[in-house]
Amino acid sequence: MPRFHFLAITFGFNLYWLLAVWGQFDYIWLLIVMLVTCWWIFQGSWRFAIIAATAGISMDALLGYLGVYQFEGNVIPLWLILLWLGFASFVWLLRNVIQNYPPYVLVIIGSIGGTVSYLAGLRLEAISWPMGIPVTMIITLVSWLVYSMILLVFLKLCVQRWGED
């Protein structure tokens, strides 16, 4: 993948993340436009995104149910569902880059990156951590470790099944 494409995709996802977490409900329309545009340009990305996002949304729902996370209204918000779909699309778009790294490196990066992302969400007041920062960080780190492993298995299976769409 050319460096420009990698940087453009990475910048696009970071903008998407910021609009979702910082903007929350204010930019739902823009998140939908960005997501649909991504799926239109990269037509195979929606299949992987739905599978991978379902696992992530389920993880957040379970952690919310267990009282680790708390969202406004005690339900998974639409902006977070869209964020999961955007994240999974981002992973699919970078699948060739991702698959060049050893799985243990990706799991470590995923664990730390996911935890830092949720800590940023806490700081931006998009999420509450009723159990406190230390406990929630440990639970989030372990959850993202497991999710990262599942995501890599999904990615490998989907690439084998669908190829390079």
C-alpha atoms as a PDB file:
ATOM      1  CA  MET A   1       0.000   0.000   0.000  1.00  0.00           C
ATOM      2  CA  PRO A   2       1.436   3.384  -0.928  1.00  0.00           C
ATOM      3  CA  ARG A   3       2.326   5.582   2.032  1.00  0.00           C
ATOM      4  CA  PHE A   4      -0.138   8.270   0.929  1.00  0.00           C
ATOM      5  CA  HIS A   5      -3.043   5.790   0.985  1.00  0.00           C
ATOM      6  CA  PHE A   6      -2.019   4.529   4.414  1.00  0.00           C
ATOM      7  CA  LEU A   7      -1.800   8.078   5.784  1.00  0.00           C
ATOM      8  CA  ALA A   8      -5.099   9.115   4.169  1.00  0.00           C
ATOM      9  CA  ILE A   9      -6.939   6.091   5.596  1.00  0.00           C
ATOM     10  CA  THR A  10      -5.375   6.604   9.037  1.00  0.00           C
ATOM     11  CA  PHE A  11      -6.173  10.331   9.042  1.00  0.00           C
ATOM     12  CA  GLY A  12      -9.722   9.591   7.900  1.00  0.00           C
ATOM     13  CA  PHE A  13     -10.299   7.115  10.713  1.00  0.00           C
ATOM     14  CA  ASN A  14      -8.851   9.461  13.336  1.00  0.00           C
ATOM     15  CA  LEU A  15     -11.190  12.201  12.124  1.00  0.00           C
ATOM     16  CA  TYR A  16     -14.066   9.701  12.222  1.00  0.00           C
ATOM     17  CA  TRP A  17     -13.108   8.687  15.786  1.00  0.00           C
ATOM     18  CA  LEU A  18     -12.961  12.313  16.913  1.00  0.00           C
ATOM     19  CA  LEU A  19     -16.342  13.131  15.382  1.00  0.00           C
ATOM     20  CA  ALA A  20     -17.864  10.073  17.063  1.00  0.00           C
ATOM     21  CA  VAL A  21     -16.343  10.419  20.532  1.00  0.00           C
ATOM     22  CA  TRP A  22     -16.023  14.172  20.863  1.00  0.00           C
ATOM     23  CA  GLY A  23     -19.104  15.035  18.830  1.00  0.00           C
ATOM     24  CA  GLN A  24     -21.176  12.054  19.933  1.00  0.00           C
ATOM     25  CA  PHE A  25     -24.737  12.727  18.756  1.00  0.00           C
ATOM     26  CA  ASP A  26     -23.921  16.042  17.024  1.00  0.00           C
ATOM     27  CA  TYR A  27     -22.257  14.438  14.000  1.00  0.00           C
ATOM     28  CA  ILE A  28     -24.230  11.212  13.523  1.00  0.00           C
ATOM     29  CA  TRP A  29     -25.201  12.345  10.034  1.00  0.00           C
ATOM     30  CA  LEU A  30     -21.564  12.956   9.084  1.00  0.00           C
ATOM     31  CA  LEU A  31     -20.467   9.585  10.497  1.00  0.00           C
ATOM     32  CA  ILE A  32     -23.153   7.875   8.400  1.00  0.00           C
ATOM     33  CA  VAL A  33     -22.089   9.767   5.270  1.00  0.00           C
ATOM     34  CA  MET A  34     -18.429   8.879   5.872  1.00  0.00           C
ATOM     35  CA  LEU A  35     -19.250   5.220   6.534  1.00  0.00           C
ATOM     36  CA  VAL A  36     -21.533   4.824   3.518  1.00  0.00           C
ATOM     37  CA  THR A  37     -18.947   6.569   1.329  1.00  0.00           C
ATOM     38  CA  CYS A  38     -16.265   4.159   2.567  1.00  0.00           C
ATOM     39  CA  TRP A  39     -18.506   1.173   1.874  1.00  0.00           C
ATOM     40  CA  TRP A  40     -19.353   2.521  -1.582  1.00  0.00           C
ATOM     41  CA  ILE A  41     -15.714   3.122  -2.545  1.00  0.00           C
ATOM     42  CA  PHE A  42     -14.407  -0.069  -0.918  1.00  0.00           C
ATOM     43  CA  GLN A  43     -17.370  -2.310  -1.625  1.00  0.00           C
ATOM     44  CA  GLY A  44     -16.127  -5.387   0.219  1.00  0.00           C
ATOM     45  CA  SER A  45     -15.503  -3.552   3.491  1.00  0.00           C
ATOM     46  CA  TRP A  46     -19.085  -3.636   4.760  1.00  0.00           C
ATOM     47  CA  ARG A  47     -19.136  -7.435   5.140  1.00  0.00           C
ATOM     48  CA  PHE A  48     -16.117  -7.535   7.408  1.00  0.00           C
ATOM     49  CA  ALA A  49     -17.233  -4.388   9.235  1.00  0.00           C
ATOM     50  CA  ILE A  50     -20.566  -5.880  10.245  1.00  0.00           C
ATOM     51  CA  ILE A  51     -18.963  -9.080  11.568  1.00  0.00           C
ATOM     52  CA  ALA A  52     -16.118  -7.371  13.445  1.00  0.00           C
ATOM     53  CA  ALA A  53     -18.285  -4.527  14.756  1.00  0.00           C
ATOM     54  CA  THR A  54     -20.854  -6.984  16.113  1.00  0.00           C
ATOM     55  CA  ALA A  55     -18.144  -8.557  18.269  1.00  0.00           C
ATOM     56  CA  GLY A  56     -16.999  -5.132  19.508  1.00  0.00           C
ATOM     57  CA  ILE A  57     -20.508  -3.878  20.202  1.00  0.00           C
ATOM     58  CA  SER A  58     -21.227  -7.100  22.087  1.00  0.00           C
ATOM     59  CA  MET A  59     -18.087  -6.578  24.162  1.00  0.00           C
ATOM     60  CA  ASP A  60     -19.149  -3.030  25.054  1.00  0.00           C
ATOM     61  CA  ALA A  61     -22.697  -4.173  25.826  1.00  0.00           C
ATOM     62  CA  LEU A  62     -21.376  -6.868  28.166  1.00  0.00           C
ATOM     63  CA  LEU A  63     -19.003  -4.446  29.894  1.00  0.00           C
ATOM     64  CA  GLY A  64     -21.868  -1.958  30.226  1.00  0.00           C
ATOM     65  CA  TYR A  65     -24.130  -4.652  31.669  1.00  0.00           C
ATOM     66  CA  LEU A  66     -21.401  -5.602  34.179  1.00  0.00           C
ATOM     67  CA  GLY A  67     -21.038  -1.974  35.249  1.00  0.00           C
ATOM     68  CA  VAL A  68     -17.527  -1.477  33.869  1.00  0.00           C
ATOM     69  CA  TYR A  69     -18.707   1.201  31.427  1.00  0.00           C
ATOM     70  CA  GLN A  70     -21.693   3.466  31.645  1.00  0.00           C
ATOM     71  CA  PHE A  71     -23.192   5.339  28.727  1.00  0.00           C
ATOM     72  CA  GLU A  72     -25.758   8.095  28.734  1.00  0.00           C
ATOM     73  CA  GLY A  73     -29.134   6.397  28.986  1.00  0.00           C
ATOM     74  CA  ASN A  74     -27.449   3.091  29.971  1.00  0.00           C
ATOM     75  CA  VAL A  75     -27.642   1.823  26.399  1.00  0.00           C
ATOM     76  CA  ILE A  76     -25.002   1.534  23.681  1.00  0.00           C
ATOM     77  CA  PRO A  77     -25.309   4.870  21.855  1.00  0.00           C
ATOM     78  CA  LEU A  78     -25.660   5.112  18.091  1.00  0.00           C
ATOM     79  CA  TRP A  79     -22.385   7.047  17.774  1.00  0.00           C
ATOM     80  CA  LEU A  80     -20.552   4.113  19.389  1.00  0.00           C
ATOM     81  CA  ILE A  81     -22.182   1.598  17.054  1.00  0.00           C
ATOM     82  CA  LEU A  82     -21.098   3.757  14.117  1.00  0.00           C
ATOM     83  CA  LEU A  83     -17.619   4.016  15.637  1.00  0.00           C
ATOM     84  CA  TRP A  84     -17.342   0.243  15.777  1.00  0.00           C
ATOM     85  CA  LEU A  85     -18.453  -0.021  12.146  1.00  0.00           C
ATOM     86  CA  GLY A  86     -15.896   2.625  11.191  1.00  0.00           C
ATOM     87  CA  PHE A  87     -13.111   0.933  13.145  1.00  0.00           C
ATOM     88  CA  ALA A  88     -13.835  -2.434  11.560  1.00  0.00           C
ATOM     89  CA  SER A  89     -13.899  -0.821   8.099  1.00  0.00           C
ATOM     90  CA  PHE A  90     -10.534   0.802   8.902  1.00  0.00           C
ATOM     91  CA  VAL A  91      -9.098  -2.598   9.821  1.00  0.00           C
ATOM     92  CA  TRP A  92     -10.367  -4.080   6.541  1.00  0.00           C
ATOM     93  CA  LEU A  93      -8.879  -1.248   4.494  1.00  0.00           C
ATOM     94  CA  LEU A  94      -5.493  -1.799   6.166  1.00  0.00           C
ATOM     95  CA  ARG A  95      -5.671  -5.606   6.130  1.00  0.00           C
ATOM     96  CA  ASN A  96      -2.612  -5.977   3.878  1.00  0.00           C
ATOM     97  CA  VAL A  97      -0.525  -3.794   6.196  1.00  0.00           C
ATOM     98  CA  ILE A  98      -1.902  -5.487   9.320  1.00  0.00           C
ATOM     99  CA  GLN A  99      -1.128  -8.970   8.053  1.00  0.00           C
ATOM    100  CA  ASN A 100       2.555  -8.073   7.634  1.00  0.00           C
ATOM    101  CA  TYR A 101       3.011  -7.939  11.425  1.00  0.00           C
ATOM    102  CA  PRO A 102       3.288 -10.846  13.851  1.00  0.00           C
ATOM    103  CA  PRO A 103      -0.011 -11.522  15.661  1.00  0.00           C
ATOM    104  CA  TYR A 104       1.506 -10.954  19.111  1.00  0.00           C
ATOM    105  CA  VAL A 105       2.570  -7.423  18.079  1.00  0.00           C
ATOM    106  CA  LEU A 106      -0.935  -6.676  16.789  1.00  0.00           C
ATOM    107  CA  VAL A 107      -2.556  -8.016  19.961  1.00  0.00           C
ATOM    108  CA  ILE A 108      -0.304  -5.835  22.114  1.00  0.00           C
ATOM    109  CA  ILE A 109      -0.983  -2.777  19.943  1.00  0.00           C
ATOM    110  CA  GLY A 110      -4.721  -3.539  19.955  1.00  0.00           C
ATOM    111  CA  SER A 111      -4.810  -3.975  23.738  1.00  0.00           C
ATOM    112  CA  ILE A 112      -2.978  -0.734  24.440  1.00  0.00           C
ATOM    113  CA  GLY A 113      -4.653   1.222  21.633  1.00  0.00           C
ATOM    114  CA  GLY A 114      -8.131   0.143  22.660  1.00  0.00           C
ATOM    115  CA  THR A 115      -7.475   1.004  26.295  1.00  0.00           C
ATOM    116  CA  VAL A 116      -6.059   4.422  25.433  1.00  0.00           C
ATOM    117  CA  SER A 117      -9.033   5.067  23.153  1.00  0.00           C
ATOM    118  CA  TYR A 118     -11.483   4.378  25.975  1.00  0.00           C
ATOM    119  CA  LEU A 119      -9.428   6.492  28.374  1.00  0.00           C
ATOM    120  CA  ALA A 120      -9.671   9.341  25.852  1.00  0.00           C
ATOM    121  CA  GLY A 121     -13.422   8.702  25.693  1.00  0.00           C
ATOM    122  CA  LEU A 122     -13.548   9.057  29.469  1.00  0.00           C
ATOM    123  CA  ARG A 123     -11.619  12.347  29.299  1.00  0.00           C
ATOM    124  CA  LEU A 124     -13.990  13.623  26.589  1.00  0.00           C
ATOM    125  CA  GLU A 125     -16.947  12.609  28.800  1.00  0.00           C
ATOM    126  CA  ALA A 126     -18.337  10.200  26.224  1.00  0.00           C
ATOM    127  CA  ILE A 127     -18.259   7.319  28.701  1.00  0.00           C
ATOM    128  CA  SER A 128     -18.193   6.868  32.477  1.00  0.00           C
ATOM    129  CA  TRP A 129     -16.097   4.372  34.402  1.00  0.00           C
ATOM    130  CA  PRO A 130     -18.064   3.570  37.594  1.00  0.00           C
ATOM    131  CA  MET A 131     -15.391   1.135  38.830  1.00  0.00           C
ATOM    132  CA  GLY A 132     -12.661   3.773  38.727  1.00  0.00           C
ATOM    133  CA  ILE A 133      -9.687   4.239  36.453  1.00  0.00           C
ATOM    134  CA  PRO A 134      -7.266   1.488  37.606  1.00  0.00           C
ATOM    135  CA  VAL A 135      -9.812  -1.354  37.625  1.00  0.00           C
ATOM    136  CA  THR A 136     -11.468  -0.249  34.399  1.00  0.00           C
ATOM    137  CA  MET A 137      -8.125   0.116  32.626  1.00  0.00           C
ATOM    138  CA  ILE A 138      -7.163  -3.451  33.539  1.00  0.00           C
ATOM    139  CA  ILE A 139     -10.544  -4.833  32.446  1.00  0.00           C
ATOM    140  CA  THR A 140     -10.408  -2.793  29.225  1.00  0.00           C
ATOM    141  CA  LEU A 141      -6.855  -3.955  28.492  1.00  0.00           C
ATOM    142  CA  VAL A 142      -7.818  -7.613  28.920  1.00  0.00           C
ATOM    143  CA  SER A 143     -11.041  -7.134  26.935  1.00  0.00           C
ATOM    144  CA  TRP A 144      -9.159  -5.537  24.057  1.00  0.00           C
ATOM    145  CA  LEU A 145      -6.550  -8.280  24.202  1.00  0.00           C
ATOM    146  CA  VAL A 146      -9.298 -10.867  23.670  1.00  0.00           C
ATOM    147  CA  TYR A 147     -11.070  -8.719  21.068  1.00  0.00           C
ATOM    148  CA  SER A 148      -7.802  -8.182  19.163  1.00  0.00           C
ATOM    149  CA  MET A 149      -7.229 -11.942  18.988  1.00  0.00           C
ATOM    150  CA  ILE A 150     -10.791 -12.523  17.767  1.00  0.00           C
ATOM    151  CA  LEU A 151     -10.439  -9.699  15.246  1.00  0.00           C
ATOM    152  CA  LEU A 152      -7.265 -11.211  13.788  1.00  0.00           C
ATOM    153  CA  VAL A 153      -8.975 -14.593  13.382  1.00  0.00           C
ATOM    154  CA  PHE A 154     -11.982 -12.919  11.685  1.00  0.00           C
ATOM    155  CA  LEU A 155      -9.645 -10.952   9.443  1.00  0.00           C
ATOM    156  CA  LYS A 156      -7.711 -14.028   8.359  1.00  0.00           C
ATOM    157  CA  LEU A 157     -10.871 -16.025   7.668  1.00  0.00           C
ATOM    158  CA  CYS A 158     -12.517 -13.189   5.738  1.00  0.00           C
ATOM    159  CA  VAL A 159      -9.422 -12.540   3.614  1.00  0.00           C
ATOM    160  CA  GLN A 160      -9.266 -16.246   2.805  1.00  0.00           C
ATOM    161  CA  ARG A 161     -12.954 -16.312   1.914  1.00  0.00           C
ATOM    162  CA  TRP A 162     -13.349 -13.005   0.085  1.00  0.00           C
ATOM    163  CA  GLY A 163      -9.827 -12.321  -1.071  1.00  0.00           C
ATOM    164  CA  GLU A 164      -8.868  -8.804  -1.932  1.00  0.00           C
ATOM    165  CA  ASP A 165     -12.322  -7.300  -2.730  1.00  0.00           C
END
